Amino acid sequence: MRRLINIFRLLITYCLDWVVAILVWPVSVLRWGTVIGNALRIRRNGIQTAVVTYTRPDDGKCVTLVGTMHVADQEYFEELYDLVDTEESELDAAILYERVRKDKEALRDDDVSPSATLERAFGSLHSLYRYMAAATGRAMQMDVLCPQDTWTNTDMTGREVAKRSAETWVVQYLIMTGVLERIVKTGGLKRGIPQPPPQPYFLASYQAEVSMRAMHLTVPLQALLLLLPKQATPVHIILTERNEIAVEGILEALAYTNNVVSIWGAAHLPGIGKLLKRRGFALSRKHVKWFTCCRFRRYGLLDIVKYAFTGRFRAE
């Protein structure tokens, strides 16, 4: 019976895979991925993020923005690390990076305020990313492109993000309806998101793979959410306000060096770029490099047949 249920789930995932594939086709052909500028683009065979350079003509100071994904192919993070290491060693660049920091004081168990509930919900995202990376055989950004002692974090704390986001209409609605509390209970904090076994079930790998592609497909849509009022969704906090903090860190670093490398999620690059342009920087078109972060893996009916007969099948 369990085998039949898993095969049924697999067929549903196969259908969703085709839906995502159909959506990827017009995005790649019509180049809708450029809606977020020189930051991320979707191709038929995978997702690419950009590394862009901004220069200030007045004094020649340079800022290199490294766009990333939190879960991606191991080789992708290794290439970015080599690039950052070269910038630091050869150009004596200051390395800044995005990472929502933990607060010094731990969250109290008896704190049931909206911001505390949201902070717990945000905390489960790391477990989810970890599961997707393990299930698809990919890597976590912080495991490969990990911050060094000489790097500087320029970001909000988790409590700051949660406190500001709890004031938005969407989050207030989720709290009032009890949806956010259910997300916390089922999101891995209380039961724990299970880790796939060393030889992961094909079903788990396939579901995670399709989910990752669907998540990447929604990144360009974040630009549309920025058109809504600031009080509507947390997107303005997660993107706009953190972009401003990133630029503040860049300007502080430029006070003592001529080159800065700032590592941020690809969705942040357009906003950070606009803020840099307002401060006299110009984008160098000759210095836009693209890196493939996730190569799409295609599974067919033959894979489903293998799973149906064996019950366990490694996706790689």
Protein backbone atom coordinates (compact mmCIF):
# COMPACT_ATOMS: atom_id res chain seq x y z
CA MET A 1 0.00 0.00 0.00
CA ARG A 2 2.81 2.36 0.89
CA ARG A 3 4.50 1.56 -2.43
CA LEU A 4 1.32 2.52 -4.29
CA ILE A 5 1.05 5.80 -2.36
CA ASN A 6 4.66 6.67 -3.18
CA ILE A 7 4.13 5.86 -6.87
CA PHE A 8 1.05 8.09 -6.84
CA ARG A 9 3.10 10.90 -5.28
CA LEU A 10 5.77 10.32 -7.88
CA LEU A 11 3.25 10.66 -10.72
CA ILE A 12 2.01 13.94 -9.25
CA THR A 13 5.61 15.18 -9.04
CA TYR A 14 6.15 14.12 -12.65
CA CYS A 15 3.14 16.22 -13.72
CA LEU A 16 4.41 19.21 -11.72
CA ASP A 17 7.80 18.74 -13.36
CA TRP A 18 6.19 19.22 -16.75
CA VAL A 19 4.30 22.30 -15.53
CA VAL A 20 7.57 23.87 -14.35
CA ALA A 21 9.28 22.87 -17.60
CA ILE A 22 6.51 24.54 -19.61
CA LEU A 23 6.88 27.72 -17.55
CA VAL A 24 10.67 27.71 -17.94
CA TRP A 25 10.41 27.59 -21.74
CA PRO A 26 8.86 31.06 -22.33
CA VAL A 27 10.98 32.56 -19.57
CA SER A 28 14.16 31.30 -21.24
CA VAL A 29 13.13 31.99 -24.83
CA LEU A 30 11.65 35.43 -24.21
CA ARG A 31 14.42 36.23 -21.71
CA TRP A 32 11.99 37.28 -19.00
CA GLY A 33 14.78 36.45 -16.57
CA THR A 34 16.30 39.84 -17.42
CA VAL A 35 13.42 41.43 -15.50
CA ILE A 36 15.81 41.53 -12.54
CA GLY A 37 18.62 42.88 -14.67
CA ASN A 38 22.21 41.69 -14.60
CA ALA A 39 21.61 39.36 -11.69
CA LEU A 40 19.87 36.13 -12.67
CA ARG A 41 18.69 34.49 -15.83
CA ILE A 42 16.84 31.27 -16.54
CA ARG A 43 17.93 29.00 -19.36
CA ARG A 44 16.47 25.69 -20.53
CA ASN A 45 19.32 23.74 -18.99
CA GLY A 46 19.68 25.66 -15.74
CA ILE A 47 19.85 28.84 -13.68
CA GLN A 48 22.66 31.37 -13.95
CA THR A 49 23.68 34.15 -11.58
CA ALA A 50 25.89 37.12 -12.33
CA VAL A 51 29.01 38.74 -10.97
CA VAL A 52 28.96 42.45 -11.86
CA THR A 53 31.40 45.29 -11.31
CA TYR A 54 30.58 48.93 -10.59
CA THR A 55 33.21 51.66 -10.85
CA ARG A 56 33.18 55.23 -9.52
CA PRO A 57 34.78 57.46 -12.21
CA ASP A 58 35.78 60.16 -9.72
CA ASP A 59 38.33 58.06 -7.86
CA GLY A 60 38.37 54.73 -9.73
CA LYS A 61 37.11 52.69 -6.78
CA CYS A 62 35.44 49.39 -7.70
CA VAL A 63 32.64 47.33 -6.20
CA THR A 64 32.13 43.75 -7.35
CA LEU A 65 28.73 42.27 -6.55
CA VAL A 66 28.68 38.47 -6.43
CA GLY A 67 25.17 37.07 -6.92
CA THR A 68 24.51 33.66 -5.36
CA MET A 69 21.88 31.03 -4.62
CA HIS A 70 21.72 29.47 -1.16
CA VAL A 71 21.52 25.92 -2.56
CA ALA A 72 23.39 25.09 -5.76
CA ASP A 73 25.92 22.80 -7.43
CA GLN A 74 29.18 22.26 -5.54
CA GLU A 75 31.28 23.38 -8.54
CA TYR A 76 29.37 26.66 -8.70
CA PHE A 77 30.30 27.66 -5.16
CA GLU A 78 33.90 26.55 -5.70
CA GLU A 79 34.18 28.81 -8.77
CA LEU A 80 32.79 31.77 -6.83
CA TYR A 81 35.13 31.10 -3.91
CA ASP A 82 38.14 31.07 -6.24
CA LEU A 83 36.98 34.38 -7.74
CA VAL A 84 36.54 36.01 -4.33
CA ASP A 85 39.87 34.64 -3.08
CA THR A 86 41.65 36.08 -6.12
CA GLU A 87 40.08 39.49 -5.57
CA GLU A 88 41.15 39.48 -1.94
CA SER A 89 44.71 38.26 -2.50
CA GLU A 90 45.62 40.15 -5.67
CA LEU A 91 43.62 43.39 -5.30
CA ASP A 92 43.53 43.55 -1.49
CA ALA A 93 39.75 43.81 -1.71
CA ALA A 94 37.52 43.97 1.34
CA ILE A 95 35.10 41.03 1.34
CA LEU A 96 31.57 41.64 2.61
CA TYR A 97 28.78 39.09 2.72
CA GLU A 98 25.09 38.59 3.34
CA ARG A 99 23.95 36.49 6.25
CA VAL A 100 21.09 37.16 8.62
CA ARG A 101 22.92 37.02 11.95
CA LYS A 102 21.79 35.34 15.11
CA ASP A 103 21.07 37.61 18.04
CA LYS A 104 23.35 37.46 21.04
CA GLU A 105 20.39 36.75 23.31
CA ALA A 106 18.52 33.52 22.60
CA LEU A 107 14.79 33.64 21.98
CA ARG A 108 12.82 32.78 25.12
CA ASP A 109 10.53 29.75 24.92
CA ASP A 110 7.69 31.66 26.57
CA ASP A 111 7.87 34.50 24.05
CA VAL A 112 4.74 34.13 21.88
CA SER A 113 4.79 37.61 20.36
CA PRO A 114 4.20 37.93 16.57
CA SER A 115 7.84 38.78 15.92
CA ALA A 116 9.03 35.79 17.99
CA THR A 117 6.70 33.44 16.12
CA LEU A 118 7.96 34.80 12.81
CA GLU A 119 11.58 34.46 13.95
CA ARG A 120 10.96 30.77 14.66
CA ALA A 121 9.39 30.38 11.21
CA PHE A 122 12.44 31.98 9.58
CA GLY A 123 14.64 29.61 11.55
CA SER A 124 13.04 26.59 9.89
CA LEU A 125 14.12 27.82 6.45
CA HIS A 126 17.71 26.78 7.11
CA SER A 127 16.57 23.23 7.86
CA LEU A 128 14.53 23.23 4.66
CA TYR A 129 17.49 24.40 2.57
CA ARG A 130 19.66 21.77 4.22
CA TYR A 131 17.14 19.04 3.35
CA MET A 132 16.83 20.17 -0.29
CA ALA A 133 20.61 20.24 -0.67
CA ALA A 134 20.97 16.74 0.75
CA ALA A 135 18.06 15.31 -1.23
CA THR A 136 19.32 16.64 -4.57
CA GLY A 137 23.02 16.02 -3.97
CA ARG A 138 23.82 19.75 -4.02
CA ALA A 139 25.65 22.01 -1.58
CA MET A 140 24.75 24.77 0.86
CA GLN A 141 26.35 28.14 0.21
CA MET A 142 27.76 28.49 3.71
CA ASP A 143 29.39 25.04 3.52
CA VAL A 144 31.54 25.90 0.48
CA LEU A 145 31.50 29.68 0.05
CA CYS A 146 31.94 29.97 3.80
CA PRO A 147 32.92 33.29 5.42
CA GLN A 148 36.55 33.66 6.43
CA ASP A 149 37.94 35.54 9.42
CA THR A 150 38.91 38.46 7.19
CA TRP A 151 35.38 38.82 5.76
CA THR A 152 32.79 41.22 7.19
CA ASN A 153 29.10 40.55 7.65
CA THR A 154 26.86 43.45 6.57
CA ASP A 155 23.30 42.37 7.27
CA MET A 156 20.42 42.53 9.73
CA THR A 157 19.94 40.19 12.65
CA GLY A 158 17.17 37.62 12.50
CA ARG A 159 15.28 39.45 15.22
CA GLU A 160 15.44 42.73 13.31
CA VAL A 161 14.04 41.09 10.16
CA ALA A 162 11.28 39.33 12.12
CA LYS A 163 10.30 42.46 14.08
CA ARG A 164 10.00 44.59 10.94
CA SER A 165 8.25 41.85 8.93
CA ALA A 166 5.68 41.20 11.68
CA GLU A 167 4.24 44.65 10.99
CA THR A 168 3.23 43.80 7.41
CA TRP A 169 -0.34 42.97 6.43
CA VAL A 170 0.42 39.48 5.10
CA VAL A 171 2.23 38.37 8.24
CA GLN A 172 -0.44 39.86 10.51
CA TYR A 173 -3.07 37.91 8.59
CA LEU A 174 -1.06 34.67 8.89
CA ILE A 175 -0.73 35.25 12.64
CA MET A 176 -4.44 36.06 13.14
CA THR A 177 -5.54 32.93 11.26
CA GLY A 178 -3.03 30.71 13.05
CA VAL A 179 -1.37 29.70 9.76
CA LEU A 180 2.06 30.94 10.86
CA GLU A 181 1.92 28.88 14.05
CA ARG A 182 1.12 25.75 12.03
CA ILE A 183 4.04 26.50 9.74
CA VAL A 184 6.33 26.66 12.75
CA LYS A 185 5.02 23.35 14.11
CA THR A 186 5.40 21.50 10.80
CA GLY A 187 8.40 23.42 9.46
CA GLY A 188 11.07 21.40 11.19
CA LEU A 189 11.52 23.18 14.50
CA LYS A 190 9.57 20.74 16.68
CA ARG A 191 9.63 17.50 14.75
CA GLY A 192 12.81 18.12 12.80
CA ILE A 193 13.02 17.98 9.01
CA PRO A 194 14.31 14.47 8.24
CA GLN A 195 17.62 14.10 6.45
CA PRO A 196 17.64 11.84 3.37
CA PRO A 197 19.54 8.56 3.80
CA PRO A 198 22.99 8.11 2.18
CA GLN A 199 21.21 6.51 -0.79
CA PRO A 200 18.24 8.87 -0.98
CA TYR A 201 14.89 7.67 -2.16
CA PHE A 202 14.29 8.66 -5.75
CA LEU A 203 10.98 10.19 -4.70
CA ALA A 204 12.62 12.52 -2.17
CA SER A 205 15.30 13.55 -4.67
CA TYR A 206 12.78 14.13 -7.44
CA GLN A 207 10.41 16.16 -5.28
CA ALA A 208 13.25 18.34 -4.00
CA GLU A 209 14.57 18.86 -7.53
CA VAL A 210 11.20 20.04 -8.87
CA SER A 211 10.69 22.25 -5.80
CA MET A 212 14.06 23.93 -6.38
CA ARG A 213 13.24 24.68 -10.00
CA ALA A 214 9.88 26.11 -9.00
CA MET A 215 11.53 28.32 -6.35
CA HIS A 216 14.08 29.64 -8.83
CA LEU A 217 11.29 30.40 -11.27
CA THR A 218 9.62 32.72 -8.75
CA VAL A 219 12.72 34.88 -8.21
CA PRO A 220 11.95 37.26 -11.14
CA LEU A 221 8.43 37.69 -9.73
CA GLN A 222 9.84 39.35 -6.61
CA ALA A 223 10.26 42.52 -8.64
CA LEU A 224 6.47 42.65 -9.03
CA LEU A 225 5.95 42.37 -5.26
CA LEU A 226 8.06 45.50 -4.80
CA LEU A 227 5.30 47.42 -6.60
CA LEU A 228 2.94 46.77 -3.68
CA PRO A 229 2.81 49.12 -0.66
CA LYS A 230 5.64 48.64 1.83
CA GLN A 231 3.15 47.56 4.51
CA ALA A 232 1.76 44.76 2.34
CA THR A 233 4.48 42.07 2.37
CA PRO A 234 7.91 41.51 3.97
CA VAL A 235 9.58 41.75 0.55
CA HIS A 236 10.52 45.41 1.10
CA ILE A 237 12.25 44.47 4.37
CA ILE A 238 13.90 41.33 3.02
CA LEU A 239 15.11 43.07 -0.14
CA THR A 240 14.99 46.88 -0.06
CA GLU A 241 15.98 47.59 3.56
CA ARG A 242 18.72 44.99 3.57
CA ASN A 243 20.02 46.39 0.25
CA GLU A 244 20.45 49.75 1.97
CA ILE A 245 22.43 48.10 4.77
CA ALA A 246 24.60 46.35 2.19
CA VAL A 247 25.42 49.65 0.47
CA GLU A 248 26.22 51.31 3.80
CA GLY A 249 28.73 48.54 4.46
CA ILE A 250 30.23 48.96 0.99
CA LEU A 251 30.72 52.71 1.44
CA GLU A 252 32.31 52.20 4.86
CA ALA A 253 34.75 49.67 3.39
CA LEU A 254 35.66 51.98 0.50
CA ALA A 255 36.90 54.51 3.03
CA TYR A 256 40.01 52.38 3.58
CA THR A 257 40.34 50.35 0.33
CA ASN A 258 39.88 50.80 -3.41
CA ASN A 259 38.18 47.45 -4.07
CA VAL A 260 35.20 45.82 -2.39
CA VAL A 261 33.57 42.45 -3.07
CA SER A 262 30.04 42.06 -1.70
CA ILE A 263 28.42 38.59 -1.75
CA TRP A 264 24.62 38.65 -1.79
CA GLY A 265 21.70 36.61 -3.08
CA ALA A 266 21.09 37.26 -6.77
CA ALA A 267 17.70 38.89 -6.09
CA HIS A 268 19.47 41.68 -4.18
CA LEU A 269 21.85 42.72 -6.97
CA PRO A 270 19.48 44.99 -8.97
CA GLY A 271 18.50 46.96 -5.86
CA ILE A 272 22.07 47.28 -4.63
CA GLY A 273 23.14 48.32 -8.13
CA LYS A 274 20.54 51.11 -8.25
CA LEU A 275 21.70 52.46 -4.90
CA LEU A 276 25.31 52.41 -6.08
CA LYS A 277 24.40 54.34 -9.24
CA ARG A 278 22.77 57.02 -7.11
CA ARG A 279 26.12 57.41 -5.38
CA GLY A 280 28.04 57.96 -8.59
CA PHE A 281 28.95 54.41 -9.58
CA ALA A 282 28.55 53.08 -13.12
CA LEU A 283 28.06 49.48 -14.26
CA SER A 284 30.93 48.11 -16.30
CA ARG A 285 29.30 46.01 -19.04
CA LYS A 286 32.63 44.40 -19.83
CA HIS A 287 32.76 42.96 -16.33
CA VAL A 288 29.48 41.01 -16.21
CA LYS A 289 30.21 37.30 -15.77
CA TRP A 290 27.66 34.50 -15.61
CA PHE A 291 27.94 31.33 -13.57
CA THR A 292 25.61 28.33 -13.76
CA CYS A 293 24.41 27.63 -10.24
CA CYS A 294 22.00 24.75 -10.92
CA ARG A 295 21.89 22.52 -13.95
CA PHE A 296 18.42 21.09 -14.41
CA ARG A 297 18.18 17.32 -14.08
CA ARG A 298 15.57 15.69 -16.21
CA TYR A 299 13.84 12.49 -15.18
CA GLY A 300 11.68 10.42 -17.49
CA LEU A 301 9.14 7.63 -17.36
CA LEU A 302 11.97 5.08 -17.32
CA ASP A 303 13.09 6.47 -13.95
CA ILE A 304 9.56 6.12 -12.61
CA VAL A 305 9.42 2.51 -13.81
CA LYS A 306 12.73 1.79 -12.05
CA TYR A 307 11.40 3.27 -8.86
CA ALA A 308 8.13 1.34 -9.16
CA PHE A 309 9.98 -1.98 -9.38
CA THR A 310 12.83 -1.32 -6.95
CA GLY A 311 11.27 1.12 -4.50
CA ARG A 312 14.66 2.74 -4.02
CA PHE A 313 16.66 4.39 -6.73
CA ARG A 314 19.51 6.87 -6.50
CA ALA A 315 18.77 9.88 -8.70
CA GLU A 316 22.33 10.78 -9.60
